[in-house]
N, C-alpha and C. Protein backbone atom coordinates (compact mmCIF):
# COMPACT_ATOMS: atom_id res chain seq x y z
N UNK A 1 0.85 -1.19 0.00
CA UNK A 1 0.00 0.00 0.00
C UNK A 1 0.88 1.24 0.00
N UNK A 2 0.65 2.13 -0.91
CA UNK A 2 1.45 3.34 -1.00
C UNK A 2 1.04 4.32 0.08
N UNK A 3 2.02 5.07 0.57
CA UNK A 3 1.74 6.07 1.60
C UNK A 3 1.01 7.24 0.96
N UNK A 4 0.10 7.80 1.70
CA UNK A 4 -0.58 9.00 1.27
C UNK A 4 0.07 10.17 1.99
N UNK A 5 0.60 11.10 1.27
CA UNK A 5 1.28 12.24 1.89
C UNK A 5 0.45 13.48 1.68
N UNK A 6 0.12 14.11 2.75
CA UNK A 6 -0.62 15.36 2.71
C UNK A 6 0.35 16.47 3.01
N UNK A 7 0.15 17.60 2.44
CA UNK A 7 1.01 18.73 2.69
C UNK A 7 0.47 19.54 3.87
N UNK A 8 0.27 18.86 4.98
CA UNK A 8 -0.21 19.50 6.20
C UNK A 8 0.80 19.17 7.29
N UNK A 9 1.52 20.17 7.81
CA UNK A 9 2.59 19.90 8.76
C UNK A 9 2.14 19.23 10.05
N UNK A 10 0.89 19.36 10.44
CA UNK A 10 0.44 18.78 11.70
C UNK A 10 -0.08 17.35 11.54
N UNK A 11 -0.16 16.86 10.30
CA UNK A 11 -0.60 15.49 10.07
C UNK A 11 0.55 14.66 9.53
N UNK A 12 0.69 13.45 10.07
CA UNK A 12 1.71 12.54 9.58
C UNK A 12 0.99 11.26 9.16
N UNK A 13 1.03 10.96 7.87
CA UNK A 13 0.39 9.74 7.39
C UNK A 13 1.49 8.88 6.78
N UNK A 14 1.71 7.72 7.36
CA UNK A 14 2.73 6.79 6.86
C UNK A 14 2.12 5.40 6.83
N UNK A 15 2.64 4.53 5.98
CA UNK A 15 2.09 3.17 5.92
C UNK A 15 2.42 2.40 7.18
N UNK A 16 1.54 1.48 7.57
CA UNK A 16 1.80 0.60 8.70
C UNK A 16 2.53 -0.62 8.17
N UNK A 17 3.56 -1.03 8.85
CA UNK A 17 4.36 -2.17 8.42
C UNK A 17 4.38 -3.23 9.52
N UNK A 18 3.40 -4.08 9.55
CA UNK A 18 3.36 -5.25 10.44
C UNK A 18 3.87 -4.94 11.84
N UNK A 19 3.39 -3.87 12.44
CA UNK A 19 3.69 -3.50 13.83
C UNK A 19 5.16 -3.18 14.08
N UNK A 20 5.97 -3.03 13.04
CA UNK A 20 7.38 -2.71 13.24
C UNK A 20 7.58 -1.22 13.44
N UNK A 21 6.66 -0.43 12.97
CA UNK A 21 6.81 1.01 13.07
C UNK A 21 5.77 1.57 14.03
N UNK A 22 6.01 2.80 14.47
CA UNK A 22 5.07 3.47 15.36
C UNK A 22 3.73 3.62 14.65
N UNK A 23 2.67 3.57 15.40
CA UNK A 23 1.34 3.77 14.84
C UNK A 23 1.22 5.17 14.26
N UNK A 24 0.42 5.30 13.24
CA UNK A 24 0.20 6.59 12.61
C UNK A 24 -0.51 7.51 13.60
N UNK A 25 -0.06 8.74 13.66
CA UNK A 25 -0.65 9.68 14.59
C UNK A 25 -1.11 10.92 13.84
N UNK A 26 -2.38 11.28 14.02
CA UNK A 26 -2.88 12.50 13.41
C UNK A 26 -3.03 13.58 14.47
N UNK A 27 -2.65 13.26 15.68
CA UNK A 27 -2.65 14.24 16.76
C UNK A 27 -1.20 14.47 17.16
N UNK A 28 -0.94 15.54 17.86
CA UNK A 28 0.44 15.74 18.34
C UNK A 28 0.83 14.62 19.31
N UNK A 29 2.12 14.36 19.39
CA UNK A 29 2.62 13.39 20.36
C UNK A 29 2.56 14.02 21.75
N UNK A 30 2.00 13.30 22.72
CA UNK A 30 1.96 13.77 24.11
C UNK A 30 3.18 13.25 24.85
N UNK A 31 3.90 14.17 25.50
CA UNK A 31 5.15 13.84 26.17
C UNK A 31 5.06 14.30 27.63
N UNK A 32 5.39 13.40 28.55
CA UNK A 32 5.40 13.72 29.97
C UNK A 32 6.83 13.68 30.49
N UNK A 33 7.25 14.77 31.14
CA UNK A 33 8.55 14.84 31.79
C UNK A 33 8.34 14.67 33.28
N UNK A 34 9.07 13.73 33.87
CA UNK A 34 8.92 13.42 35.29
C UNK A 34 10.16 13.79 36.09
N UNK A 35 9.90 14.31 37.27
CA UNK A 35 10.93 14.59 38.25
C UNK A 35 10.27 14.44 39.61
N UNK A 36 11.04 14.24 40.62
CA UNK A 36 10.44 14.01 41.94
C UNK A 36 9.56 15.19 42.37
N UNK A 37 10.11 16.40 42.38
CA UNK A 37 9.39 17.56 42.89
C UNK A 37 8.57 18.33 41.88
N UNK A 38 8.80 18.10 40.58
CA UNK A 38 8.12 18.85 39.52
C UNK A 38 8.12 20.35 39.80
N UNK A 39 9.32 20.85 40.08
CA UNK A 39 9.45 22.28 40.38
C UNK A 39 10.49 22.98 39.52
N UNK A 40 11.43 22.23 38.92
CA UNK A 40 12.50 22.88 38.17
C UNK A 40 12.75 22.17 36.83
N UNK A 41 13.50 21.05 36.84
CA UNK A 41 13.90 20.40 35.59
C UNK A 41 12.73 19.99 34.71
N UNK A 42 11.76 19.32 35.27
CA UNK A 42 10.62 18.87 34.45
C UNK A 42 9.80 20.06 33.95
N UNK A 43 9.76 21.11 34.73
CA UNK A 43 9.07 22.34 34.32
C UNK A 43 9.80 22.99 33.14
N UNK A 44 11.13 23.07 33.24
CA UNK A 44 11.93 23.62 32.13
C UNK A 44 11.71 22.80 30.87
N UNK A 45 11.72 21.47 31.01
CA UNK A 45 11.54 20.59 29.86
C UNK A 45 10.16 20.77 29.23
N UNK A 46 9.13 20.88 30.05
CA UNK A 46 7.77 21.09 29.54
C UNK A 46 7.71 22.36 28.69
N UNK A 47 8.25 23.43 29.21
CA UNK A 47 8.23 24.70 28.48
C UNK A 47 9.05 24.62 27.20
N UNK A 48 10.23 24.02 27.29
CA UNK A 48 11.10 23.90 26.11
C UNK A 48 10.44 23.09 24.99
N UNK A 49 9.86 21.94 25.34
CA UNK A 49 9.25 21.13 24.28
C UNK A 49 8.01 21.81 23.71
N UNK A 50 7.25 22.50 24.53
CA UNK A 50 6.10 23.23 24.00
C UNK A 50 6.54 24.36 23.09
N UNK A 51 7.74 24.87 23.30
CA UNK A 51 8.29 25.90 22.40
C UNK A 51 8.86 25.28 21.13
N UNK A 52 9.79 24.34 21.27
CA UNK A 52 10.48 23.76 20.11
C UNK A 52 9.61 22.75 19.37
N UNK A 53 8.67 22.12 20.05
CA UNK A 53 7.86 21.09 19.42
C UNK A 53 6.58 21.61 18.82
N UNK A 54 6.17 22.78 19.21
CA UNK A 54 4.95 23.44 18.77
C UNK A 54 3.85 22.49 18.33
N UNK A 55 3.60 22.33 17.06
CA UNK A 55 2.45 21.57 16.56
C UNK A 55 2.65 20.06 16.68
N UNK A 56 3.89 19.59 16.64
CA UNK A 56 4.19 18.15 16.61
C UNK A 56 4.08 17.50 17.99
N UNK A 57 4.29 18.27 19.05
CA UNK A 57 4.31 17.72 20.41
C UNK A 57 3.49 18.59 21.36
N UNK A 58 2.94 17.96 22.40
CA UNK A 58 2.36 18.66 23.53
C UNK A 58 3.06 18.11 24.76
N UNK A 59 3.68 19.00 25.52
CA UNK A 59 4.45 18.57 26.69
C UNK A 59 3.69 18.82 27.98
N UNK A 60 3.93 17.91 28.92
CA UNK A 60 3.39 18.00 30.27
C UNK A 60 4.53 17.68 31.23
N UNK A 61 4.34 18.01 32.49
CA UNK A 61 5.32 17.62 33.50
C UNK A 61 4.58 17.24 34.77
N UNK A 62 5.24 16.42 35.57
CA UNK A 62 4.64 15.99 36.83
C UNK A 62 5.74 15.45 37.73
N UNK A 63 5.36 15.19 38.99
CA UNK A 63 6.33 14.67 39.94
C UNK A 63 5.74 13.58 40.80
N UNK A 64 6.62 12.74 41.32
CA UNK A 64 6.16 11.68 42.22
C UNK A 64 5.79 12.25 43.58
N UNK A 65 6.51 13.28 44.01
CA UNK A 65 6.22 14.00 45.25
C UNK A 65 6.31 15.49 44.96
N UNK A 66 5.31 16.04 44.27
CA UNK A 66 5.40 17.44 43.84
C UNK A 66 5.55 18.41 45.00
N UNK A 67 6.35 19.43 44.76
CA UNK A 67 6.59 20.46 45.77
C UNK A 67 5.37 21.35 45.98
N UNK A 68 4.50 21.43 44.99
CA UNK A 68 3.31 22.25 45.11
C UNK A 68 3.47 23.64 44.52
N UNK A 69 4.71 24.02 44.21
CA UNK A 69 4.95 25.30 43.54
C UNK A 69 6.16 25.18 42.64
N UNK A 70 6.15 25.93 41.57
CA UNK A 70 7.26 25.95 40.63
C UNK A 70 8.37 26.80 41.21
N UNK A 71 9.61 26.34 41.06
CA UNK A 71 10.75 27.10 41.56
C UNK A 71 10.79 28.46 40.87
N UNK A 72 10.85 29.55 41.64
CA UNK A 72 10.84 30.90 41.03
C UNK A 72 12.00 31.13 40.07
N UNK A 73 13.16 30.50 40.32
CA UNK A 73 14.30 30.69 39.41
C UNK A 73 14.03 30.05 38.05
N UNK A 74 13.26 28.97 38.02
CA UNK A 74 12.89 28.35 36.75
C UNK A 74 11.98 29.29 35.97
N UNK A 75 11.00 29.86 36.64
CA UNK A 75 10.08 30.79 35.98
C UNK A 75 10.82 32.04 35.51
N UNK A 76 11.71 32.57 36.32
CA UNK A 76 12.49 33.75 35.93
C UNK A 76 13.30 33.48 34.67
N UNK A 77 13.95 32.33 34.62
CA UNK A 77 14.76 31.98 33.45
C UNK A 77 13.88 31.85 32.20
N UNK A 78 12.78 31.16 32.32
CA UNK A 78 11.89 31.00 31.18
C UNK A 78 11.35 32.35 30.71
N UNK A 79 10.96 33.21 31.64
CA UNK A 79 10.48 34.55 31.28
C UNK A 79 11.58 35.36 30.59
N UNK A 80 12.79 35.28 31.13
CA UNK A 80 13.91 36.04 30.56
C UNK A 80 14.18 35.60 29.11
N UNK A 81 13.93 34.33 28.81
CA UNK A 81 14.18 33.79 27.47
C UNK A 81 12.92 33.78 26.60
N UNK A 82 11.86 34.42 27.08
CA UNK A 82 10.59 34.53 26.34
C UNK A 82 10.01 33.17 25.98
N UNK A 83 10.09 32.24 26.92
CA UNK A 83 9.51 30.91 26.72
C UNK A 83 8.20 30.81 27.50
N UNK A 84 7.33 29.90 27.06
CA UNK A 84 6.00 29.81 27.69
C UNK A 84 6.05 29.40 29.16
N UNK A 85 5.29 30.13 29.97
CA UNK A 85 5.16 29.80 31.40
C UNK A 85 3.70 29.66 31.81
N UNK A 86 2.81 30.04 30.92
CA UNK A 86 1.38 29.97 31.24
C UNK A 86 0.98 28.53 31.50
N UNK A 87 0.29 28.30 32.60
CA UNK A 87 -0.21 26.97 32.94
C UNK A 87 0.79 26.07 33.64
N UNK A 88 2.04 26.51 33.80
CA UNK A 88 3.02 25.68 34.49
C UNK A 88 2.66 25.60 35.97
N UNK A 89 2.63 24.38 36.49
CA UNK A 89 2.35 24.18 37.91
C UNK A 89 2.95 22.86 38.35
N UNK A 90 3.26 22.77 39.62
CA UNK A 90 3.79 21.55 40.20
C UNK A 90 2.62 20.62 40.51
N UNK A 91 2.65 19.41 39.91
CA UNK A 91 1.52 18.50 40.07
C UNK A 91 1.99 17.05 40.16
N UNK A 92 1.12 16.20 40.65
CA UNK A 92 1.44 14.80 40.83
C UNK A 92 1.31 14.03 39.52
N UNK A 93 2.15 13.02 39.39
CA UNK A 93 2.05 12.16 38.21
C UNK A 93 0.76 11.36 38.20
N UNK A 94 0.07 11.30 39.34
CA UNK A 94 -1.22 10.59 39.40
C UNK A 94 -2.24 11.19 38.43
N UNK A 95 -2.11 12.49 38.13
CA UNK A 95 -3.03 13.13 37.18
C UNK A 95 -2.97 12.50 35.80
N UNK A 96 -1.84 11.86 35.48
CA UNK A 96 -1.66 11.30 34.14
C UNK A 96 -1.86 9.79 34.09
N UNK A 97 -2.26 9.21 35.22
CA UNK A 97 -2.46 7.76 35.29
C UNK A 97 -3.94 7.40 35.42
N UNK A 98 -4.81 8.35 35.12
CA UNK A 98 -6.25 8.10 35.19
C UNK A 98 -6.82 7.95 33.78
N UNK A 99 -8.00 7.39 33.70
CA UNK A 99 -8.60 7.06 32.41
C UNK A 99 -8.78 8.25 31.48
N UNK A 100 -9.15 9.41 32.01
CA UNK A 100 -9.41 10.56 31.13
C UNK A 100 -8.20 11.45 30.93
N UNK A 101 -7.02 10.99 31.33
CA UNK A 101 -5.78 11.76 31.12
C UNK A 101 -5.39 11.69 29.65
N UNK A 102 -4.58 12.64 29.19
CA UNK A 102 -4.09 12.55 27.81
C UNK A 102 -3.36 11.22 27.59
N UNK A 103 -3.55 10.64 26.42
CA UNK A 103 -2.82 9.42 26.08
C UNK A 103 -1.37 9.81 25.83
N UNK A 104 -0.48 9.22 26.60
CA UNK A 104 0.94 9.58 26.51
C UNK A 104 1.65 8.73 25.46
N UNK A 105 2.50 9.39 24.68
CA UNK A 105 3.31 8.69 23.69
C UNK A 105 4.73 8.46 24.21
N UNK A 106 5.20 9.41 25.04
CA UNK A 106 6.56 9.34 25.57
C UNK A 106 6.55 9.81 27.02
N UNK A 107 7.35 9.16 27.85
CA UNK A 107 7.55 9.60 29.24
C UNK A 107 9.06 9.60 29.49
N UNK A 108 9.58 10.77 29.88
CA UNK A 108 11.01 10.92 30.16
C UNK A 108 11.22 11.33 31.60
N UNK A 109 12.08 10.59 32.30
CA UNK A 109 12.48 11.01 33.64
C UNK A 109 13.70 11.91 33.46
N UNK A 110 13.72 13.02 34.21
CA UNK A 110 14.84 13.95 34.10
C UNK A 110 15.63 14.04 35.40
N UNK A 111 15.27 13.22 36.37
CA UNK A 111 16.08 13.15 37.59
C UNK A 111 16.26 11.70 37.98
N UNK A 112 17.40 11.40 38.58
CA UNK A 112 17.73 10.02 38.92
C UNK A 112 16.77 9.43 39.94
N UNK A 113 16.29 10.26 40.86
CA UNK A 113 15.39 9.77 41.90
C UNK A 113 14.09 9.26 41.29
N UNK A 114 13.50 10.04 40.39
CA UNK A 114 12.25 9.62 39.74
C UNK A 114 12.47 8.40 38.86
N UNK A 115 13.66 8.29 38.26
CA UNK A 115 13.95 7.15 37.38
C UNK A 115 13.97 5.85 38.16
N UNK A 116 14.33 5.91 39.43
CA UNK A 116 14.44 4.69 40.22
C UNK A 116 13.15 4.35 40.96
N UNK A 117 12.15 5.21 40.87
CA UNK A 117 10.88 4.96 41.54
C UNK A 117 9.98 4.09 40.67
N UNK A 118 9.04 3.43 41.30
CA UNK A 118 8.06 2.65 40.56
C UNK A 118 7.00 3.60 40.04
N UNK A 119 6.92 3.69 38.73
CA UNK A 119 5.98 4.62 38.10
C UNK A 119 4.61 3.97 37.96
N UNK A 120 3.59 4.80 37.85
CA UNK A 120 2.25 4.26 37.58
C UNK A 120 2.23 3.57 36.21
N UNK A 121 1.18 2.84 35.96
CA UNK A 121 0.95 2.28 34.63
C UNK A 121 0.33 3.40 33.81
N UNK A 122 1.02 3.81 32.76
CA UNK A 122 0.53 4.92 31.95
C UNK A 122 -0.43 4.41 30.89
N UNK A 123 -1.60 5.04 30.76
CA UNK A 123 -2.50 4.66 29.67
C UNK A 123 -1.78 4.82 28.33
N UNK A 124 -1.97 3.88 27.43
CA UNK A 124 -1.37 3.97 26.11
C UNK A 124 0.01 3.36 25.99
N UNK A 125 0.59 2.87 27.07
CA UNK A 125 1.92 2.26 27.07
C UNK A 125 2.94 3.09 26.30
N UNK A 126 3.28 4.27 26.80
CA UNK A 126 4.22 5.15 26.09
C UNK A 126 5.65 4.60 26.12
N UNK A 127 6.45 5.09 25.19
CA UNK A 127 7.88 4.78 25.20
C UNK A 127 8.50 5.61 26.32
N UNK A 128 9.51 5.06 26.97
CA UNK A 128 10.14 5.76 28.10
C UNK A 128 11.64 5.82 27.92
N UNK A 129 12.25 6.82 28.55
CA UNK A 129 13.71 6.94 28.58
C UNK A 129 14.08 7.81 29.77
N UNK A 130 15.33 7.66 30.19
CA UNK A 130 15.85 8.47 31.29
C UNK A 130 16.83 9.50 30.72
N UNK A 131 16.54 10.77 30.98
CA UNK A 131 17.39 11.87 30.55
C UNK A 131 17.86 12.64 31.78
N UNK A 132 18.63 12.03 32.64
CA UNK A 132 19.05 12.62 33.90
C UNK A 132 19.79 13.94 33.75
N UNK A 133 19.38 14.90 34.55
CA UNK A 133 19.96 16.24 34.60
C UNK A 133 20.18 16.58 36.07
N UNK A 134 21.34 17.18 36.38
CA UNK A 134 21.60 17.59 37.77
C UNK A 134 20.56 18.61 38.22
N UNK A 135 20.18 18.51 39.49
CA UNK A 135 19.12 19.38 40.03
C UNK A 135 19.67 20.78 40.31
N UNK A 136 19.24 21.78 39.55
CA UNK A 136 19.72 23.14 39.80
C UNK A 136 19.20 23.71 41.11
N UNK A 137 18.05 23.24 41.56
CA UNK A 137 17.47 23.73 42.81
C UNK A 137 18.25 23.24 44.02
N UNK A 138 19.09 22.24 43.85
CA UNK A 138 19.88 21.71 44.96
C UNK A 138 21.20 22.45 45.15
N UNK A 139 21.51 23.35 44.25
CA UNK A 139 22.77 24.08 44.33
C UNK A 139 22.71 25.11 45.46
N UNK A 140 23.71 25.03 46.34
CA UNK A 140 23.83 26.01 47.42
C UNK A 140 24.84 27.06 46.97
N UNK A 141 24.68 28.26 47.45
CA UNK A 141 25.62 29.32 47.09
C UNK A 141 24.91 30.62 46.80
N UNK A 142 25.62 31.46 46.09
CA UNK A 142 25.09 32.79 45.76
C UNK A 142 23.99 32.67 44.71
N UNK A 143 23.24 33.75 44.53
CA UNK A 143 22.21 33.78 43.50
C UNK A 143 22.82 33.55 42.12
N UNK A 144 24.02 34.06 41.90
CA UNK A 144 24.70 33.87 40.62
C UNK A 144 24.99 32.38 40.40
N UNK A 145 25.49 31.69 41.41
CA UNK A 145 25.77 30.27 41.29
C UNK A 145 24.50 29.48 41.02
N UNK A 146 23.43 29.84 41.70
CA UNK A 146 22.14 29.17 41.48
C UNK A 146 21.63 29.44 40.06
N UNK A 147 21.75 30.68 39.63
CA UNK A 147 21.32 31.06 38.30
C UNK A 147 22.11 30.30 37.23
N UNK A 148 23.41 30.16 37.44
CA UNK A 148 24.25 29.41 36.50
C UNK A 148 23.84 27.93 36.46
N UNK A 149 23.48 27.39 37.60
CA UNK A 149 23.03 25.99 37.66
C UNK A 149 21.74 25.81 36.88
N UNK A 150 20.82 26.75 37.00
CA UNK A 150 19.58 26.67 36.24
C UNK A 150 19.85 26.79 34.75
N UNK A 151 20.77 27.67 34.38
CA UNK A 151 21.10 27.83 32.95
C UNK A 151 21.76 26.56 32.40
N UNK A 152 22.61 25.93 33.21
CA UNK A 152 23.26 24.68 32.78
C UNK A 152 22.22 23.58 32.55
N UNK A 153 21.28 23.44 33.47
CA UNK A 153 20.21 22.45 33.32
C UNK A 153 19.35 22.77 32.10
N UNK A 154 19.03 24.04 31.94
CA UNK A 154 18.24 24.49 30.79
C UNK A 154 18.95 24.13 29.48
N UNK A 155 20.24 24.44 29.37
CA UNK A 155 21.00 24.16 28.15
C UNK A 155 21.02 22.66 27.84
N UNK A 156 21.22 21.85 28.87
CA UNK A 156 21.25 20.40 28.67
C UNK A 156 19.90 19.90 28.18
N UNK A 157 18.84 20.36 28.79
CA UNK A 157 17.49 19.96 28.37
C UNK A 157 17.19 20.45 26.96
N UNK A 158 17.56 21.67 26.67
CA UNK A 158 17.29 22.21 25.34
C UNK A 158 18.02 21.40 24.27
N UNK A 159 19.28 21.04 24.52
CA UNK A 159 20.01 20.23 23.55
C UNK A 159 19.29 18.91 23.30
N UNK A 160 18.86 18.26 24.37
CA UNK A 160 18.20 16.96 24.22
C UNK A 160 16.84 17.10 23.54
N UNK A 161 16.12 18.13 23.88
CA UNK A 161 14.80 18.33 23.28
C UNK A 161 14.92 18.65 21.79
N UNK A 162 15.92 19.41 21.41
CA UNK A 162 16.13 19.68 19.99
C UNK A 162 16.46 18.39 19.23
N UNK A 163 17.28 17.52 19.84
CA UNK A 163 17.57 16.22 19.21
C UNK A 163 16.28 15.40 19.07
N UNK A 164 15.48 15.40 20.12
CA UNK A 164 14.22 14.65 20.12
C UNK A 164 13.27 15.16 19.05
N UNK A 165 13.08 16.47 18.95
CA UNK A 165 12.13 17.03 17.98
C UNK A 165 12.58 16.81 16.54
N UNK A 166 13.86 16.56 16.34
CA UNK A 166 14.38 16.32 14.99
C UNK A 166 14.23 14.86 14.55
N UNK A 167 13.87 13.97 15.46
CA UNK A 167 13.72 12.55 15.11
C UNK A 167 12.56 12.33 14.14
N UNK A 168 12.74 11.46 13.16
CA UNK A 168 11.63 11.10 12.27
C UNK A 168 10.79 10.00 12.94
N UNK A 169 10.08 10.37 13.98
CA UNK A 169 9.40 9.41 14.86
C UNK A 169 8.48 8.45 14.11
N UNK A 170 7.66 8.98 13.24
CA UNK A 170 6.67 8.15 12.56
C UNK A 170 7.30 7.12 11.64
N UNK A 171 8.52 7.35 11.18
CA UNK A 171 9.13 6.42 10.24
C UNK A 171 10.15 5.47 10.87
N UNK A 172 10.42 5.63 12.17
CA UNK A 172 11.39 4.75 12.82
C UNK A 172 10.71 3.51 13.39
N UNK A 173 11.37 2.38 13.24
CA UNK A 173 10.90 1.17 13.89
C UNK A 173 11.01 1.39 15.39
N UNK A 174 10.16 0.73 16.15
CA UNK A 174 10.10 0.94 17.60
C UNK A 174 11.45 0.72 18.28
N UNK A 175 12.14 -0.34 17.92
CA UNK A 175 13.43 -0.63 18.57
C UNK A 175 14.45 0.46 18.25
N UNK A 176 14.49 0.91 17.01
CA UNK A 176 15.43 1.98 16.63
C UNK A 176 15.07 3.28 17.35
N UNK A 177 13.78 3.57 17.45
CA UNK A 177 13.35 4.78 18.15
C UNK A 177 13.76 4.71 19.62
N UNK A 178 13.57 3.56 20.26
CA UNK A 178 13.96 3.42 21.66
C UNK A 178 15.46 3.64 21.84
N UNK A 179 16.25 3.11 20.93
CA UNK A 179 17.71 3.31 20.99
C UNK A 179 18.06 4.79 20.87
N UNK A 180 17.36 5.47 19.98
CA UNK A 180 17.62 6.90 19.80
C UNK A 180 17.23 7.70 21.04
N UNK A 181 16.10 7.36 21.65
CA UNK A 181 15.66 8.04 22.88
C UNK A 181 16.68 7.83 23.99
N UNK A 182 17.16 6.59 24.13
CA UNK A 182 18.17 6.29 25.15
C UNK A 182 19.47 7.05 24.87
N UNK A 183 19.86 7.13 23.60
CA UNK A 183 21.09 7.84 23.24
C UNK A 183 20.97 9.33 23.55
N UNK A 184 19.81 9.90 23.34
CA UNK A 184 19.60 11.31 23.67
C UNK A 184 19.85 11.52 25.16
N UNK A 185 19.41 10.58 25.99
CA UNK A 185 19.64 10.67 27.43
C UNK A 185 21.10 10.60 27.81
N UNK A 186 21.92 10.05 26.92
CA UNK A 186 23.36 9.97 27.16
C UNK A 186 24.13 11.13 26.51
N UNK A 187 23.42 12.00 25.80
CA UNK A 187 24.06 13.11 25.09
C UNK A 187 24.77 14.02 26.07
N UNK A 188 25.88 14.56 25.63
CA UNK A 188 26.62 15.50 26.48
C UNK A 188 25.72 16.63 26.91
N UNK A 189 25.86 17.01 28.17
CA UNK A 189 25.00 18.06 28.70
C UNK A 189 25.75 19.35 28.96
N UNK A 190 27.03 19.41 28.61
CA UNK A 190 27.80 20.62 28.89
C UNK A 190 27.93 21.54 27.69
N UNK A 191 27.27 21.20 26.58
CA UNK A 191 27.31 22.05 25.39
C UNK A 191 26.24 23.11 25.50
N UNK A 192 26.52 24.26 24.92
CA UNK A 192 25.53 25.35 24.93
C UNK A 192 24.75 25.33 23.65
N UNK A 193 23.50 25.73 23.73
CA UNK A 193 22.62 25.75 22.55
C UNK A 193 23.03 26.87 21.63
C-alpha cells in the first residue's frame, strides 16, 4: 500500500508495516517529563518542548512527590528567554495515570530519583527513557551560582529536546526509536545551545 502524503505539517500519514513502526498519529505526540518535585527540571523541559515542538508535540510535567509550587528561578529563566510559562504548575504524576488523562506517547524522567521509583501504569503504554539532569534547585551558594546551575540544566534539556524534535518518529521502527531516545539521554549536557 502506497503512503498518502498530505502537505499538512500537523498530520503525519505513513504506511503501517506489520507492527514494526510506530502507529500513525494524526494528533500531536503527548510527552510527559517526570521529576520528583516537579518544580524545576521537568518544568523547564515542559516549556522547552512546548516551544520547540509546537504543533508536533504537547508537553506536560509531573512529579512523584510534587513540591506544590514551581521554583521561582525556573520561571524567571523562562520569562527572561521569552519561553512559555502559562499553565506551568507543580503536580502529581497521578493526574496522568487516570482514564481521562491525555494518552501519553513518551515519558522521560529527568532526575535520577524519579527514574528509580516505581511509576504508575501509563495509559497507552508510552515509550520511556531516562534523561538525567543535575538538580539546579539543589545548588547552594550565591544567587549567581544558582542562576548558573539553572542555565546549565536548561542548556542540557534544550540540547536533548532539539535532538528529540528532529527525530523522524513516525518512520522509525520501535526498537530503533527506543535506541535513539536512550542515546539522547546519554548526550553530552555541557554544550551550549
